[in-house]
PDB file of N, CA and C in Angstrom:
ATOM      1  N   MET A   1       4.326   3.976  11.548  1.00  0.00           N
ATOM      2  CA  MET A   1       4.771   3.118  10.474  1.00  0.00           C
ATOM      3  C   MET A   1       6.202   3.461  10.099  1.00  0.00           C
ATOM      4  N   SER A   2       6.978   2.455   9.791  1.00  0.00           N
ATOM      5  CA  SER A   2       8.319   2.687   9.270  1.00  0.00           C
ATOM      6  C   SER A   2       8.316   2.400   7.775  1.00  0.00           C
ATOM      7  N   SER A   3       9.309   2.885   7.065  1.00  0.00           N
ATOM      8  CA  SER A   3       9.276   2.725   5.613  1.00  0.00           C
ATOM      9  C   SER A   3      10.655   2.435   5.041  1.00  0.00           C
ATOM     10  N   ALA A   4      10.650   1.859   3.849  1.00  0.00           N
ATOM     11  CA  ALA A   4      11.861   1.670   3.047  1.00  0.00           C
ATOM     12  C   ALA A   4      11.534   2.176   1.651  1.00  0.00           C
ATOM     13  N   LEU A   5      12.392   3.015   1.083  1.00  0.00           N
ATOM     14  CA  LEU A   5      12.118   3.669  -0.190  1.00  0.00           C
ATOM     15  C   LEU A   5      12.962   3.053  -1.297  1.00  0.00           C
ATOM     16  N   GLN A   6      12.331   2.774  -2.454  1.00  0.00           N
ATOM     17  CA  GLN A   6      13.050   2.284  -3.619  1.00  0.00           C
ATOM     18  C   GLN A   6      12.829   3.267  -4.760  1.00  0.00           C
ATOM     19  N   ILE A   7      13.892   3.575  -5.513  1.00  0.00           N
ATOM     20  CA  ILE A   7      13.764   4.515  -6.626  1.00  0.00           C
ATOM     21  C   ILE A   7      14.566   3.998  -7.819  1.00  0.00           C
ATOM     22  N   LEU A   8      13.935   4.015  -8.990  1.00  0.00           N
ATOM     23  CA  LEU A   8      14.590   3.682 -10.251  1.00  0.00           C
ATOM     24  C   LEU A   8      14.084   4.665 -11.290  1.00  0.00           C
ATOM     25  N   SER A   9      14.988   5.217 -12.078  1.00  0.00           N
ATOM     26  CA  SER A   9      14.589   6.187 -13.081  1.00  0.00           C
ATOM     27  C   SER A   9      15.373   5.955 -14.366  1.00  0.00           C
ATOM     28  N   ILE A  10      14.683   5.984 -15.505  1.00  0.00           N
ATOM     29  CA  ILE A  10      15.293   5.848 -16.821  1.00  0.00           C
ATOM     30  C   ILE A  10      14.975   7.113 -17.604  1.00  0.00           C
ATOM     31  N   VAL A  11      15.994   7.730 -18.188  1.00  0.00           N
ATOM     32  CA  VAL A  11      15.819   9.004 -18.886  1.00  0.00           C
ATOM     33  C   VAL A  11      16.379   8.895 -20.298  1.00  0.00           C
ATOM     34  N   TYR A  12      15.631   9.395 -21.277  1.00  0.00           N
ATOM     35  CA  TYR A  12      16.125   9.547 -22.644  1.00  0.00           C
ATOM     36  C   TYR A  12      16.086  11.030 -22.963  1.00  0.00           C
ATOM     37  N   ARG A  13      17.178  11.569 -23.501  1.00  0.00           N
ATOM     38  CA  ARG A  13      17.182  12.987 -23.829  1.00  0.00           C
ATOM     39  C   ARG A  13      17.862  13.226 -25.167  1.00  0.00           C
ATOM     40  N   LEU A  14      17.426  14.269 -25.819  1.00  0.00           N
ATOM     41  CA  LEU A  14      17.958  14.700 -27.108  1.00  0.00           C
ATOM     42  C   LEU A  14      18.374  16.147 -26.958  1.00  0.00           C
ATOM     43  N   GLY A  15      19.616  16.453 -27.299  1.00  0.00           N
ATOM     44  CA  GLY A  15      20.130  17.799 -27.089  1.00  0.00           C
ATOM     45  C   GLY A  15      20.067  18.666 -28.327  1.00  0.00           C
ATOM     46  N   VAL A  16      19.838  19.958 -28.113  1.00  0.00           N
ATOM     47  CA  VAL A  16      19.850  20.966 -29.165  1.00  0.00           C
ATOM     48  C   VAL A  16      20.833  22.036 -28.714  1.00  0.00           C
ATOM     49  N   ARG A  17      21.927  22.234 -29.460  1.00  0.00           N
ATOM     50  CA  ARG A  17      22.970  23.168 -29.035  1.00  0.00           C
ATOM     51  C   ARG A  17      22.706  24.577 -29.543  1.00  0.00           C
ATOM     52  N   PHE A  18      22.872  25.525 -28.629  1.00  0.00           N
ATOM     53  CA  PHE A  18      22.803  26.948 -28.933  1.00  0.00           C
ATOM     54  C   PHE A  18      24.221  27.514 -28.798  1.00  0.00           C
ATOM     55  N   PRO A  19      24.467  28.754 -29.236  1.00  0.00           N
ATOM     56  CA  PRO A  19      25.833  29.294 -29.181  1.00  0.00           C
ATOM     57  C   PRO A  19      26.469  29.276 -27.788  1.00  0.00           C
ATOM     58  N   VAL A  20      25.714  29.553 -26.748  1.00  0.00           N
ATOM     59  CA  VAL A  20      26.299  29.656 -25.417  1.00  0.00           C
ATOM     60  C   VAL A  20      25.873  28.523 -24.493  1.00  0.00           C
ATOM     61  N   SER A  21      24.825  27.831 -24.819  1.00  0.00           N
ATOM     62  CA  SER A  21      24.307  26.800 -23.921  1.00  0.00           C
ATOM     63  C   SER A  21      23.665  25.679 -24.732  1.00  0.00           C
ATOM     64  N   MET A  22      23.057  24.730 -24.034  1.00  0.00           N
ATOM     65  CA  MET A  22      22.386  23.632 -24.689  1.00  0.00           C
ATOM     66  C   MET A  22      21.059  23.356 -23.989  1.00  0.00           C
ATOM     67  N   LEU A  23      20.046  23.101 -24.770  1.00  0.00           N
ATOM     68  CA  LEU A  23      18.737  22.734 -24.260  1.00  0.00           C
ATOM     69  C   LEU A  23      18.507  21.281 -24.634  1.00  0.00           C
ATOM     70  N   SER A  24      18.073  20.463 -23.687  1.00  0.00           N
ATOM     71  CA  SER A  24      17.766  19.077 -24.020  1.00  0.00           C
ATOM     72  C   SER A  24      16.311  18.797 -23.705  1.00  0.00           C
ATOM     73  N   LEU A  25      15.682  18.041 -24.563  1.00  0.00           N
ATOM     74  CA  LEU A  25      14.300  17.609 -24.401  1.00  0.00           C
ATOM     75  C   LEU A  25      14.317  16.109 -24.183  1.00  0.00           C
ATOM     76  N   GLY A  26      13.406  15.599 -23.366  1.00  0.00           N
ATOM     77  CA  GLY A  26      13.447  14.171 -23.113  1.00  0.00           C
ATOM     78  C   GLY A  26      12.205  13.645 -22.437  1.00  0.00           C
ATOM     79  N   VAL A  27      12.280  12.370 -22.136  1.00  0.00           N
ATOM     80  CA  VAL A  27      11.207  11.635 -21.468  1.00  0.00           C
ATOM     81  C   VAL A  27      11.823  10.929 -20.268  1.00  0.00           C
ATOM     82  N   GLU A  28      11.092  10.904 -19.173  1.00  0.00           N
ATOM     83  CA  GLU A  28      11.565  10.217 -17.973  1.00  0.00           C
ATOM     84  C   GLU A  28      10.512   9.223 -17.516  1.00  0.00           C
ATOM     85  N   PHE A  29      10.955   8.021 -17.248  1.00  0.00           N
ATOM     86  CA  PHE A  29      10.102   6.946 -16.743  1.00  0.00           C
ATOM     87  C   PHE A  29      10.764   6.400 -15.498  1.00  0.00           C
ATOM     88  N   GLY A  30       9.992   6.071 -14.508  1.00  0.00           N
ATOM     89  CA  GLY A  30      10.610   5.560 -13.291  1.00  0.00           C
ATOM     90  C   GLY A  30       9.656   4.759 -12.441  1.00  0.00           C
ATOM     91  N   VAL A  31      10.192   4.277 -11.342  1.00  0.00           N
ATOM     92  CA  VAL A  31       9.406   3.568 -10.337  1.00  0.00           C
ATOM     93  C   VAL A  31       9.867   4.080  -8.983  1.00  0.00           C
ATOM     94  N   ASP A  32       8.953   4.644  -8.224  1.00  0.00           N
ATOM     95  CA  ASP A  32       9.220   5.089  -6.864  1.00  0.00           C
ATOM     96  C   ASP A  32       8.296   4.303  -5.949  1.00  0.00           C
ATOM     97  N   GLY A  33       8.769   3.960  -4.782  1.00  0.00           N
ATOM     98  CA  GLY A  33       7.881   3.222  -3.905  1.00  0.00           C
ATOM     99  C   GLY A  33       8.373   3.190  -2.482  1.00  0.00           C
ATOM    100  N   ALA A  34       7.489   2.788  -1.616  1.00  0.00           N
ATOM    101  CA  ALA A  34       7.812   2.656  -0.200  1.00  0.00           C
ATOM    102  C   ALA A  34       7.064   1.474   0.374  1.00  0.00           C
ATOM    103  N   THR A  35       7.698   0.807   1.313  1.00  0.00           N
ATOM    104  CA  THR A  35       7.060  -0.260   2.072  1.00  0.00           C
ATOM    105  C   THR A  35       6.876   0.251   3.491  1.00  0.00           C
ATOM    106  N   LEU A  36       5.649   0.283   3.939  1.00  0.00           N
ATOM    107  CA  LEU A  36       5.333   0.782   5.279  1.00  0.00           C
ATOM    108  C   LEU A  36       4.991  -0.395   6.175  1.00  0.00           C
ATOM    109  N   LYS A  37       5.676  -0.508   7.300  1.00  0.00           N
ATOM    110  CA  LYS A  37       5.402  -1.577   8.248  1.00  0.00           C
ATOM    111  C   LYS A  37       4.469  -1.034   9.322  1.00  0.00           C
ATOM    112  N   ALA A  38       3.320  -1.662   9.459  1.00  0.00           N
ATOM    113  CA  ALA A  38       2.306  -1.192  10.403  1.00  0.00           C
ATOM    114  C   ALA A  38       2.744  -1.430  11.841  1.00  0.00           C
ATOM    115  N   LYS A  39       2.343  -0.508  12.723  1.00  0.00           N
ATOM    116  CA  LYS A  39       2.597  -0.654  14.152  1.00  0.00           C
ATOM    117  C   LYS A  39       1.294  -1.034  14.841  1.00  0.00           C
ATOM    118  N   SER A  40       1.390  -1.451  16.058  1.00  0.00           N
ATOM    119  CA  SER A  40       0.255  -1.915  16.847  1.00  0.00           C
ATOM    120  C   SER A  40      -0.877  -0.883  16.811  1.00  0.00           C
ATOM    121  N   PRO A  41      -2.112  -1.255  16.686  1.00  0.00           N
ATOM    122  CA  PRO A  41      -2.676  -2.603  16.785  1.00  0.00           C
ATOM    123  C   PRO A  41      -2.709  -3.362  15.459  1.00  0.00           C
ATOM    124  N   TYR A  42      -2.146  -2.814  14.405  1.00  0.00           N
ATOM    125  CA  TYR A  42      -2.167  -3.472  13.100  1.00  0.00           C
ATOM    126  C   TYR A  42      -0.864  -4.215  12.875  1.00  0.00           C
ATOM    127  N   SER A  43      -0.881  -5.107  11.913  1.00  0.00           N
ATOM    128  CA  SER A  43       0.340  -5.829  11.566  1.00  0.00           C
ATOM    129  C   SER A  43       0.437  -5.927  10.054  1.00  0.00           C
ATOM    130  N   GLY A  44       1.597  -6.339   9.566  1.00  0.00           N
ATOM    131  CA  GLY A  44       1.764  -6.499   8.132  1.00  0.00           C
ATOM    132  C   GLY A  44       2.408  -5.286   7.489  1.00  0.00           C
ATOM    133  N   GLU A  45       2.289  -5.222   6.158  1.00  0.00           N
ATOM    134  CA  GLU A  45       2.926  -4.157   5.393  1.00  0.00           C
ATOM    135  C   GLU A  45       1.969  -3.555   4.379  1.00  0.00           C
ATOM    136  N   GLU A  46       2.183  -2.282   4.101  1.00  0.00           N
ATOM    137  CA  GLU A  46       1.488  -1.581   3.029  1.00  0.00           C
ATOM    138  C   GLU A  46       2.546  -1.213   1.999  1.00  0.00           C
ATOM    139  N   LYS A  47       2.251  -1.391   0.737  1.00  0.00           N
ATOM    140  CA  LYS A  47       3.205  -1.053  -0.315  1.00  0.00           C
ATOM    141  C   LYS A  47       2.592   0.007  -1.219  1.00  0.00           C
ATOM    142  N   ILE A  48       3.311   1.099  -1.384  1.00  0.00           N
ATOM    143  CA  ILE A  48       2.872   2.203  -2.224  1.00  0.00           C
ATOM    144  C   ILE A  48       3.893   2.335  -3.362  1.00  0.00           C
ATOM    145  N   THR A  49       3.413   2.293  -4.606  1.00  0.00           N
ATOM    146  CA  THR A  49       4.291   2.385  -5.770  1.00  0.00           C
ATOM    147  C   THR A  49       3.767   3.469  -6.697  1.00  0.00           C
ATOM    148  N   ALA A  50       4.653   4.334  -7.169  1.00  0.00           N
ATOM    149  CA  ALA A  50       4.307   5.365  -8.155  1.00  0.00           C
ATOM    150  C   ALA A  50       5.146   5.119  -9.400  1.00  0.00           C
ATOM    151  N   ILE A  51       4.505   5.189 -10.556  1.00  0.00           N
ATOM    152  CA  ILE A  51       5.188   5.004 -11.836  1.00  0.00           C
ATOM    153  C   ILE A  51       4.984   6.278 -12.653  1.00  0.00           C
ATOM    154  N   PRO A  52       5.953   7.215 -12.588  1.00  0.00           N
ATOM    155  CA  PRO A  52       5.814   8.475 -13.325  1.00  0.00           C
ATOM    156  C   PRO A  52       6.244   8.344 -14.785  1.00  0.00           C
ATOM    157  N   LEU A  53       5.529   9.023 -15.659  1.00  0.00           N
ATOM    158  CA  LEU A  53       5.885   9.166 -17.065  1.00  0.00           C
ATOM    159  C   LEU A  53       5.870  10.665 -17.341  1.00  0.00           C
ATOM    160  N   LEU A  54       7.052  11.244 -17.499  1.00  0.00           N
ATOM    161  CA  LEU A  54       7.183  12.697 -17.523  1.00  0.00           C
ATOM    162  C   LEU A  54       7.915  13.183 -18.775  1.00  0.00           C
ATOM    163  N   LEU A  55       7.502  14.330 -19.288  1.00  0.00           N
ATOM    164  CA  LEU A  55       8.252  15.052 -20.307  1.00  0.00           C
ATOM    165  C   LEU A  55       9.187  16.003 -19.575  1.00  0.00           C
ATOM    166  N   ARG A  56      10.429  16.151 -20.072  1.00  0.00           N
ATOM    167  CA  ARG A  56      11.390  16.980 -19.364  1.00  0.00           C
ATOM    168  C   ARG A  56      12.129  17.915 -20.305  1.00  0.00           C
ATOM    169  N   VAL A  57      12.458  19.078 -19.794  1.00  0.00           N
ATOM    170  CA  VAL A  57      13.251  20.072 -20.517  1.00  0.00           C
ATOM    171  C   VAL A  57      14.392  20.466 -19.587  1.00  0.00           C
ATOM    172  N   ALA A  58      15.610  20.414 -20.113  1.00  0.00           N
ATOM    173  CA  ALA A  58      16.780  20.765 -19.301  1.00  0.00           C
ATOM    174  C   ALA A  58      17.572  21.869 -19.979  1.00  0.00           C
ATOM    175  N   TYR A  59      18.050  22.799 -19.185  1.00  0.00           N
ATOM    176  CA  TYR A  59      18.924  23.861 -19.652  1.00  0.00           C
ATOM    177  C   TYR A  59      20.321  23.549 -19.138  1.00  0.00           C
ATOM    178  N   HIS A  60      21.265  23.390 -20.050  1.00  0.00           N
ATOM    179  CA  HIS A  60      22.644  23.063 -19.696  1.00  0.00           C
ATOM    180  C   HIS A  60      23.495  24.324 -19.784  1.00  0.00           C
ATOM    181  N   PHE A  61      24.103  24.694 -18.662  1.00  0.00           N
ATOM    182  CA  PHE A  61      24.960  25.879 -18.599  1.00  0.00           C
ATOM    183  C   PHE A  61      26.349  25.463 -19.074  1.00  0.00           C
ATOM    184  N   ASP A  62      26.746  25.916 -20.221  1.00  0.00           N
ATOM    185  CA  ASP A  62      28.030  25.531 -20.809  1.00  0.00           C
ATOM    186  C   ASP A  62      29.121  26.457 -20.284  1.00  0.00           C
ATOM    187  N   LEU A  63      29.523  26.235 -19.026  1.00  0.00           N
ATOM    188  CA  LEU A  63      30.457  27.140 -18.368  1.00  0.00           C
ATOM    189  C   LEU A  63      31.901  26.650 -18.408  1.00  0.00           C
ATOM    190  N   PHE A  64      32.112  25.330 -18.277  1.00  0.00           N
ATOM    191  CA  PHE A  64      33.456  24.774 -18.204  1.00  0.00           C
ATOM    192  C   PHE A  64      33.549  23.546 -19.107  1.00  0.00           C
ATOM    193  N   PRO A  65      34.708  23.298 -19.709  1.00  0.00           N
ATOM    194  CA  PRO A  65      34.865  22.086 -20.517  1.00  0.00           C
ATOM    195  C   PRO A  65      34.727  20.844 -19.630  1.00  0.00           C
ATOM    196  N   LYS A  66      34.098  19.813 -20.135  1.00  0.00           N
ATOM    197  CA  LYS A  66      33.889  18.520 -19.469  1.00  0.00           C
ATOM    198  C   LYS A  66      32.977  18.587 -18.246  1.00  0.00           C
ATOM    199  N   LEU A  67      32.469  19.748 -17.904  1.00  0.00           N
ATOM    200  CA  LEU A  67      31.600  19.890 -16.746  1.00  0.00           C
ATOM    201  C   LEU A  67      30.228  20.358 -17.212  1.00  0.00           C
ATOM    202  N   ASP A  68      29.200  19.597 -16.912  1.00  0.00           N
ATOM    203  CA  ASP A  68      27.837  19.894 -17.362  1.00  0.00           C
ATOM    204  C   ASP A  68      26.980  20.248 -16.150  1.00  0.00           C
ATOM    205  N   LEU A  69      26.701  21.520 -15.972  1.00  0.00           N
ATOM    206  CA  LEU A  69      25.801  22.003 -14.924  1.00  0.00           C
ATOM    207  C   LEU A  69      24.446  22.228 -15.572  1.00  0.00           C
ATOM    208  N   TYR A  70      23.370  21.655 -15.004  1.00  0.00           N
ATOM    209  CA  TYR A  70      22.067  21.730 -15.654  1.00  0.00           C
ATOM    210  C   TYR A  70      20.921  21.896 -14.656  1.00  0.00           C
ATOM    211  N   ALA A  71      19.819  22.424 -15.170  1.00  0.00           N
ATOM    212  CA  ALA A  71      18.565  22.569 -14.418  1.00  0.00           C
ATOM    213  C   ALA A  71      17.463  21.930 -15.250  1.00  0.00           C
ATOM    214  N   VAL A  72      16.623  21.119 -14.620  1.00  0.00           N
ATOM    215  CA  VAL A  72      15.587  20.348 -15.316  1.00  0.00           C
ATOM    216  C   VAL A  72      14.215  20.687 -14.754  1.00  0.00           C
ATOM    217  N   GLY A  73      13.237  20.850 -15.646  1.00  0.00           N
ATOM    218  CA  GLY A  73      11.829  20.938 -15.276  1.00  0.00           C
ATOM    219  C   GLY A  73      11.108  19.777 -15.947  1.00  0.00           C
ATOM    220  N   LYS A  74      10.219  19.108 -15.225  1.00  0.00           N
ATOM    221  CA  LYS A  74       9.508  17.959 -15.795  1.00  0.00           C
ATOM    222  C   LYS A  74       8.056  17.958 -15.351  1.00  0.00           C
ATOM    223  N   ILE A  75       7.205  17.408 -16.228  1.00  0.00           N
ATOM    224  CA  ILE A  75       5.768  17.404 -15.987  1.00  0.00           C
ATOM    225  C   ILE A  75       5.159  16.184 -16.671  1.00  0.00           C
ATOM    226  N   GLY A  76       4.131  15.609 -16.077  1.00  0.00           N
ATOM    227  CA  GLY A  76       3.482  14.449 -16.679  1.00  0.00           C
ATOM    228  C   GLY A  76       2.463  13.818 -15.759  1.00  0.00           C
ATOM    229  N   TYR A  77       2.313  12.507 -15.875  1.00  0.00           N
ATOM    230  CA  TYR A  77       1.327  11.761 -15.102  1.00  0.00           C
ATOM    231  C   TYR A  77       2.036  10.678 -14.305  1.00  0.00           C
ATOM    232  N   SER A  78       1.578  10.437 -13.111  1.00  0.00           N
ATOM    233  CA  SER A  78       2.146   9.405 -12.259  1.00  0.00           C
ATOM    234  C   SER A  78       1.056   8.393 -11.917  1.00  0.00           C
ATOM    235  N   PHE A  79       1.267   7.163 -12.346  1.00  0.00           N
ATOM    236  CA  PHE A  79       0.330   6.077 -12.045  1.00  0.00           C
ATOM    237  C   PHE A  79       0.677   5.529 -10.669  1.00  0.00           C
ATOM    238  N   GLY A  80      -0.328   5.204  -9.882  1.00  0.00           N
ATOM    239  CA  GLY A  80      -0.069   4.730  -8.534  1.00  0.00           C
ATOM    240  C   GLY A  80      -0.712   3.390  -8.236  1.00  0.00           C
ATOM    241  N   LEU A  81      -0.096   2.657  -7.328  1.00  0.00           N
ATOM    242  CA  LEU A  81      -0.611   1.356  -6.898  1.00  0.00           C
ATOM    243  C   LEU A  81      -0.378   1.235  -5.400  1.00  0.00           C
ATOM    244  N   TRP A  82      -1.428   0.883  -4.665  1.00  0.00           N
ATOM    245  CA  TRP A  82      -1.347   0.737  -3.216  1.00  0.00           C
ATOM    246  C   TRP A  82      -1.861  -0.642  -2.872  1.00  0.00           C
ATOM    247  N   THR A  83      -1.012  -1.465  -2.277  1.00  0.00           N
ATOM    248  CA  THR A  83      -1.410  -2.810  -1.868  1.00  0.00           C
ATOM    249  C   THR A  83      -0.951  -3.034  -0.438  1.00  0.00           C
ATOM    250  N   GLY A  84      -1.529  -4.006   0.208  1.00  0.00           N
ATOM    251  CA  GLY A  84      -1.076  -4.291   1.557  1.00  0.00           C
ATOM    252  C   GLY A  84      -1.934  -5.294   2.288  1.00  0.00           C
ATOM    253  N   ASP A  85      -1.468  -5.612   3.494  1.00  0.00           N
ATOM    254  CA  ASP A  85      -2.127  -6.600   4.335  1.00  0.00           C
ATOM    255  C   ASP A  85      -3.336  -6.046   5.078  1.00  0.00           C
ATOM    256  N   ASN A  86      -3.428  -4.723   5.224  1.00  0.00           N
ATOM    257  CA  ASN A  86      -4.482  -4.115   6.043  1.00  0.00           C
ATOM    258  C   ASN A  86      -5.504  -3.347   5.219  1.00  0.00           C
ATOM    259  N   ARG A  87      -5.776  -3.795   3.995  1.00  0.00           N
ATOM    260  CA  ARG A  87      -6.698  -3.073   3.120  1.00  0.00           C
ATOM    261  C   ARG A  87      -8.083  -2.919   3.737  1.00  0.00           C
ATOM    262  N   ASP A  88      -8.507  -3.877   4.540  1.00  0.00           N
ATOM    263  CA  ASP A  88      -9.854  -3.827   5.114  1.00  0.00           C
ATOM    264  C   ASP A  88     -10.039  -2.658   6.078  1.00  0.00           C
ATOM    265  N   ILE A  89      -8.978  -2.159   6.717  1.00  0.00           N
ATOM    266  CA  ILE A  89      -9.158  -1.045   7.655  1.00  0.00           C
ATOM    267  C   ILE A  89      -9.473   0.257   6.934  1.00  0.00           C
ATOM    268  N   TYR A  90      -9.190   0.327   5.617  1.00  0.00           N
ATOM    269  CA  TYR A  90      -9.453   1.537   4.849  1.00  0.00           C
ATOM    270  C   TYR A  90     -10.836   1.541   4.207  1.00  0.00           C
ATOM    271  N   ASP A  91     -11.530   0.410   4.244  1.00  0.00           N
ATOM    272  CA  ASP A  91     -12.831   0.311   3.573  1.00  0.00           C
ATOM    273  C   ASP A  91     -13.851   1.313   4.103  1.00  0.00           C
ATOM    274  N   ASN A  92     -13.802   1.624   5.390  1.00  0.00           N
ATOM    275  CA  ASN A  92     -14.775   2.525   5.998  1.00  0.00           C
ATOM    276  C   ASN A  92     -14.273   3.961   6.135  1.00  0.00           C
ATOM    277  N   MET A  93     -13.124   4.255   5.535  1.00  0.00           N
ATOM    278  CA  MET A  93     -12.572   5.613   5.629  1.00  0.00           C
ATOM    279  C   MET A  93     -12.881   6.388   4.366  1.00  0.00           C
ATOM    280  N   PRO A  94     -13.531   7.544   4.475  1.00  0.00           N
ATOM    281  CA  PRO A  94     -13.768   8.361   3.284  1.00  0.00           C
ATOM    282  C   PRO A  94     -12.458   8.979   2.794  1.00  0.00           C
ATOM    283  N   ASN A  95     -12.395   9.258   1.525  1.00  0.00           N
ATOM    284  CA  ASN A  95     -11.249   9.918   0.897  1.00  0.00           C
ATOM    285  C   ASN A  95      -9.965   9.090   0.901  1.00  0.00           C
ATOM    286  N   VAL A  96     -10.054   7.780   1.149  1.00  0.00           N
ATOM    287  CA  VAL A  96      -8.889   6.903   1.080  1.00  0.00           C
ATOM    288  C   VAL A  96      -9.134   5.892  -0.025  1.00  0.00           C
ATOM    289  N   THR A  97      -8.244   5.852  -0.995  1.00  0.00           N
ATOM    290  CA  THR A  97      -8.374   4.921  -2.111  1.00  0.00           C
ATOM    291  C   THR A  97      -7.280   3.868  -2.007  1.00  0.00           C
ATOM    292  N   VAL A  98      -7.662   2.618  -2.024  1.00  0.00           N
ATOM    293  CA  VAL A  98      -6.707   1.525  -2.026  1.00  0.00           C
ATOM    294  C   VAL A  98      -6.871   0.812  -3.355  1.00  0.00           C
ATOM    295  N   GLY A  99      -5.788   0.579  -4.055  1.00  0.00           N
ATOM    296  CA  GLY A  99      -5.849  -0.043  -5.367  1.00  0.00           C
ATOM    297  C   GLY A  99      -5.063   0.790  -6.352  1.00  0.00           C
ATOM    298  N   THR A 100      -5.553   0.898  -7.560  1.00  0.00           N
ATOM    299  CA  THR A 100      -4.858   1.650  -8.607  1.00  0.00           C
ATOM    300  C   THR A 100      -5.385   3.080  -8.643  1.00  0.00           C
ATOM    301  N   THR A 101      -4.488   4.024  -8.682  1.00  0.00           N
ATOM    302  CA  THR A 101      -4.852   5.430  -8.743  1.00  0.00           C
ATOM    303  C   THR A 101      -3.743   6.166  -9.499  1.00  0.00           C
ATOM    304  N   GLY A 102      -3.775   7.453  -9.546  1.00  0.00           N
ATOM    305  CA  GLY A 102      -2.732   8.217 -10.223  1.00  0.00           C
ATOM    306  C   GLY A 102      -3.049   9.689 -10.194  1.00  0.00           C
ATOM    307  N   GLY A 103      -2.185  10.478 -10.778  1.00  0.00           N
ATOM    308  CA  GLY A 103      -2.418  11.905 -10.803  1.00  0.00           C
ATOM    309  C   GLY A 103      -1.293  12.657 -11.474  1.00  0.00           C
ATOM    310  N   PHE A 104      -1.457  13.959 -11.523  1.00  0.00           N
ATOM    311  CA  PHE A 104      -0.511  14.888 -12.123  1.00  0.00           C
ATOM    312  C   PHE A 104       0.820  14.821 -11.377  1.00  0.00           C
ATOM    313  N   GLY A 105       1.913  14.796 -12.118  1.00  0.00           N
ATOM    314  CA  GLY A 105       3.226  14.777 -11.494  1.00  0.00           C
ATOM    315  C   GLY A 105       4.127  15.843 -12.094  1.00  0.00           C
ATOM    316  N   TRP A 106       5.016  16.389 -11.303  1.00  0.00           N
ATOM    317  CA  TRP A 106       5.966  17.382 -11.781  1.00  0.00           C
ATOM    318  C   TRP A 106       7.210  17.327 -10.901  1.00  0.00           C
ATOM    319  N   GLY A 107       8.259  17.959 -11.372  1.00  0.00           N
ATOM    320  CA  GLY A 107       9.468  18.008 -10.573  1.00  0.00           C
ATOM    321  C   GLY A 107      10.497  18.945 -11.161  1.00  0.00           C
ATOM    322  N   ILE A 108      11.474  19.282 -10.354  1.00  0.00           N
ATOM    323  CA  ILE A 108      12.615  20.079 -10.789  1.00  0.00           C
ATOM    324  C   ILE A 108      13.877  19.401 -10.259  1.00  0.00           C
ATOM    325  N   ASP A 109      14.946  19.480 -11.031  1.00  0.00           N
ATOM    326  CA  ASP A 109      16.229  18.917 -10.632  1.00  0.00           C
ATOM    327  C   ASP A 109      17.322  19.920 -10.953  1.00  0.00           C
ATOM    328  N   LEU A 110      18.348  19.913 -10.154  1.00  0.00           N
ATOM    329  CA  LEU A 110      19.595  20.606 -10.438  1.00  0.00           C
ATOM    330  C   LEU A 110      20.671  19.536 -10.401  1.00  0.00           C
ATOM    331  N   GLY A 111      21.603  19.586 -11.334  1.00  0.00           N
ATOM    332  CA  GLY A 111      22.622  18.554 -11.346  1.00  0.00           C
ATOM    333  C   GLY A 111      23.898  19.001 -11.999  1.00  0.00           C
ATOM    334  N   ILE A 112      24.903  18.148 -11.853  1.00  0.00           N
ATOM    335  CA  ILE A 112      26.194  18.406 -12.465  1.00  0.00           C
ATOM    336  C   ILE A 112      26.786  17.060 -12.880  1.00  0.00           C
ATOM    337  N   SER A 113      27.395  17.028 -14.062  1.00  0.00           N
ATOM    338  CA  SER A 113      28.062  15.835 -14.575  1.00  0.00           C
ATOM    339  C   SER A 113      29.463  16.219 -15.016  1.00  0.00           C
ATOM    340  N   TYR A 114      30.386  15.277 -14.843  1.00  0.00           N
ATOM    341  CA  TYR A 114      31.749  15.468 -15.325  1.00  0.00           C
ATOM    342  C   TYR A 114      32.021  14.424 -16.391  1.00  0.00           C
ATOM    343  N   TYR A 115      32.551  14.841 -17.532  1.00  0.00           N
ATOM    344  CA  TYR A 115      32.835  13.936 -18.629  1.00  0.00           C
ATOM    345  C   TYR A 115      34.337  13.686 -18.706  1.00  0.00           C
ATOM    346  N   PHE A 116      34.729  12.410 -18.708  1.00  0.00           N
ATOM    347  CA  PHE A 116      36.144  12.038 -18.767  1.00  0.00           C
ATOM    348  C   PHE A 116      36.692  12.088 -20.196  1.00  0.00           C
ATOM    349  N   SER A 117      35.800  12.020 -21.198  1.00  0.00           N
ATOM    350  CA  SER A 117      36.237  12.127 -22.596  1.00  0.00           C
ATOM    351  C   SER A 117      35.209  12.955 -23.365  1.00  0.00           C
ATOM    352  N   GLN A 118      35.557  13.356 -24.580  1.00  0.00           N
ATOM    353  CA  GLN A 118      34.638  14.169 -25.369  1.00  0.00           C
ATOM    354  C   GLN A 118      33.484  13.366 -25.924  1.00  0.00           C
ATOM    355  N   PHE A 119      33.528  12.030 -25.859  1.00  0.00           N
ATOM    356  CA  PHE A 119      32.480  11.187 -26.421  1.00  0.00           C
ATOM    357  C   PHE A 119      31.538  10.654 -25.354  1.00  0.00           C
ATOM    358  N   ALA A 120      31.651  11.086 -24.129  1.00  0.00           N
ATOM    359  CA  ALA A 120      30.801  10.571 -23.051  1.00  0.00           C
ATOM    360  C   ALA A 120      29.394  11.075 -23.160  1.00  0.00           C
TER     361      ALA A 120
END
């Protein structure tokens, strides 16, 4: 199977400043997904979509002016949806769920931002 990946993420964060660094708390919502094109003997497409809703905590290393180096930890629940043209081939397979599902989600990020002004 071949795939195409789509990702969209929306983040809201609130910062709390400490003398040397900053901690931000927030919520992350997104949509991740892939379209899988079946190979012979099957045809059509399978679509897998995950919708995570995560709480996040970020530590901002206040090392340089206008430069924000940060590390993020996030945890929450990810709702899932699996649709496609070949759903009938999964009906007789144990441990395969087609339809709506979900589960525990987590992640870590490292990042850096540059601010062009003090109000960014």
